[in-house]
């Protein structure tokens, strides 16, 4: 996260602490995933749209945080 705000950096530090203490919740994990994926989804969408020709629809951007957590059985 090269352009992280102080609030985002603090949130990540809090999440790391919770992971180390084994007190992290599913909701905390979702927040962390959303934060880390932040601008990537919109950048990917823009790149796909610019590459798409004519009226073709851009490809799916990937999985949501819920889908990734489900794969882990959480």
C-alpha atoms as a PDB file:
ATOM      1  CA  UNK A   1       0.000   0.000   0.000  1.00  0.00           C
ATOM      2  CA  UNK A   2       2.252   2.774  -1.224  1.00  0.00           C
ATOM      3  CA  UNK A   3      -0.250   5.601  -0.651  1.00  0.00           C
ATOM      4  CA  UNK A   4      -1.801   4.435   2.616  1.00  0.00           C
ATOM      5  CA  UNK A   5      -3.316   6.985   4.948  1.00  0.00           C
ATOM      6  CA  UNK A   6      -2.298   7.083   8.620  1.00  0.00           C
ATOM      7  CA  UNK A   7      -5.717   5.593   9.491  1.00  0.00           C
ATOM      8  CA  UNK A   8      -5.170   2.662   7.109  1.00  0.00           C
ATOM      9  CA  UNK A   9      -1.695   2.033   8.499  1.00  0.00           C
ATOM     10  CA  UNK A  10      -3.110   2.060  12.049  1.00  0.00           C
ATOM     11  CA  UNK A  11      -5.900  -0.340  11.082  1.00  0.00           C
ATOM     12  CA  UNK A  12      -3.380  -2.766   9.577  1.00  0.00           C
ATOM     13  CA  UNK A  13      -1.225  -2.535  12.706  1.00  0.00           C
ATOM     14  CA  UNK A  14      -4.288  -3.300  14.848  1.00  0.00           C
ATOM     15  CA  UNK A  15      -5.175  -6.272  12.660  1.00  0.00           C
ATOM     16  CA  UNK A  16      -1.612  -7.612  12.876  1.00  0.00           C
ATOM     17  CA  UNK A  17      -1.736  -7.307  16.661  1.00  0.00           C
ATOM     18  CA  UNK A  18      -5.050  -9.162  16.779  1.00  0.00           C
ATOM     19  CA  UNK A  19      -3.584 -11.901  14.586  1.00  0.00           C
ATOM     20  CA  UNK A  20      -0.596 -12.247  16.902  1.00  0.00           C
ATOM     21  CA  UNK A  21      -2.891 -12.347  19.961  1.00  0.00           C
ATOM     22  CA  UNK A  22      -5.250 -14.794  18.215  1.00  0.00           C
ATOM     23  CA  UNK A  23      -8.207 -12.465  18.855  1.00  0.00           C
ATOM     24  CA  UNK A  24      -9.016 -11.506  15.259  1.00  0.00           C
ATOM     25  CA  UNK A  25     -12.626 -11.914  14.113  1.00  0.00           C
ATOM     26  CA  UNK A  26     -14.081 -12.786  10.718  1.00  0.00           C
ATOM     27  CA  UNK A  27     -15.285  -9.192  10.402  1.00  0.00           C
ATOM     28  CA  UNK A  28     -11.738  -7.957  11.108  1.00  0.00           C
ATOM     29  CA  UNK A  29     -10.411 -10.249   8.365  1.00  0.00           C
ATOM     30  CA  UNK A  30     -12.980  -8.927   5.904  1.00  0.00           C
ATOM     31  CA  UNK A  31     -11.985  -5.339   6.698  1.00  0.00           C
ATOM     32  CA  UNK A  32      -8.319  -6.196   6.185  1.00  0.00           C
ATOM     33  CA  UNK A  33      -8.942  -7.891   2.852  1.00  0.00           C
ATOM     34  CA  UNK A  34     -11.068  -4.995   1.628  1.00  0.00           C
ATOM     35  CA  UNK A  35      -8.410  -2.525   2.722  1.00  0.00           C
ATOM     36  CA  UNK A  36      -5.586  -4.422   1.054  1.00  0.00           C
ATOM     37  CA  UNK A  37      -7.543  -4.886  -2.175  1.00  0.00           C
ATOM     38  CA  UNK A  38      -8.578  -1.210  -2.069  1.00  0.00           C
ATOM     39  CA  UNK A  39      -7.705   0.479  -5.327  1.00  0.00           C
ATOM     40  CA  UNK A  40      -6.759  -2.657  -7.211  1.00  0.00           C
ATOM     41  CA  UNK A  41     -10.317  -3.574  -8.178  1.00  0.00           C
ATOM     42  CA  UNK A  42     -11.005  -0.183  -9.758  1.00  0.00           C
ATOM     43  CA  UNK A  43      -7.620  -0.172 -11.510  1.00  0.00           C
ATOM     44  CA  UNK A  44      -8.284  -3.636 -12.906  1.00  0.00           C
ATOM     45  CA  UNK A  45     -11.721  -2.580 -14.123  1.00  0.00           C
ATOM     46  CA  UNK A  46     -10.286   0.430 -15.924  1.00  0.00           C
ATOM     47  CA  UNK A  47      -7.576  -1.674 -17.564  1.00  0.00           C
ATOM     48  CA  UNK A  48     -10.077  -4.294 -18.696  1.00  0.00           C
ATOM     49  CA  UNK A  49     -12.422  -1.687 -20.101  1.00  0.00           C
ATOM     50  CA  UNK A  50      -9.642  -0.001 -22.043  1.00  0.00           C
ATOM     51  CA  UNK A  51      -8.621  -3.350 -23.533  1.00  0.00           C
ATOM     52  CA  UNK A  52     -12.186  -4.395 -24.294  1.00  0.00           C
ATOM     53  CA  UNK A  53     -13.173  -3.853 -27.896  1.00  0.00           C
ATOM     54  CA  UNK A  54     -16.461  -2.435 -29.121  1.00  0.00           C
ATOM     55  CA  UNK A  55     -19.412  -3.537 -27.010  1.00  0.00           C
ATOM     56  CA  UNK A  56     -17.700  -6.408 -25.249  1.00  0.00           C
ATOM     57  CA  UNK A  57     -18.168  -6.560 -21.512  1.00  0.00           C
ATOM     58  CA  UNK A  58     -15.100  -6.552 -19.233  1.00  0.00           C
ATOM     59  CA  UNK A  59     -14.218  -9.776 -17.423  1.00  0.00           C
ATOM     60  CA  UNK A  60     -15.080 -10.364 -13.775  1.00  0.00           C
ATOM     61  CA  UNK A  61     -12.713  -8.704 -11.313  1.00  0.00           C
ATOM     62  CA  UNK A  62     -12.295 -11.780  -9.167  1.00  0.00           C
ATOM     63  CA  UNK A  63     -13.634 -13.010  -5.898  1.00  0.00           C
ATOM     64  CA  UNK A  64     -15.055 -11.106  -2.992  1.00  0.00           C
ATOM     65  CA  UNK A  65     -13.614 -11.253   0.507  1.00  0.00           C
ATOM     66  CA  UNK A  66     -16.510 -13.505   1.531  1.00  0.00           C
ATOM     67  CA  UNK A  67     -15.709 -15.980  -1.264  1.00  0.00           C
ATOM     68  CA  UNK A  68     -12.029 -16.108  -0.294  1.00  0.00           C
ATOM     69  CA  UNK A  69     -12.866 -16.659   3.379  1.00  0.00           C
ATOM     70  CA  UNK A  70     -15.348 -19.388   2.395  1.00  0.00           C
ATOM     71  CA  UNK A  71     -12.547 -21.207   0.562  1.00  0.00           C
ATOM     72  CA  UNK A  72     -10.599 -21.224   3.811  1.00  0.00           C
ATOM     73  CA  UNK A  73     -13.601 -22.641   5.638  1.00  0.00           C
ATOM     74  CA  UNK A  74     -14.043 -19.540   7.771  1.00  0.00           C
END
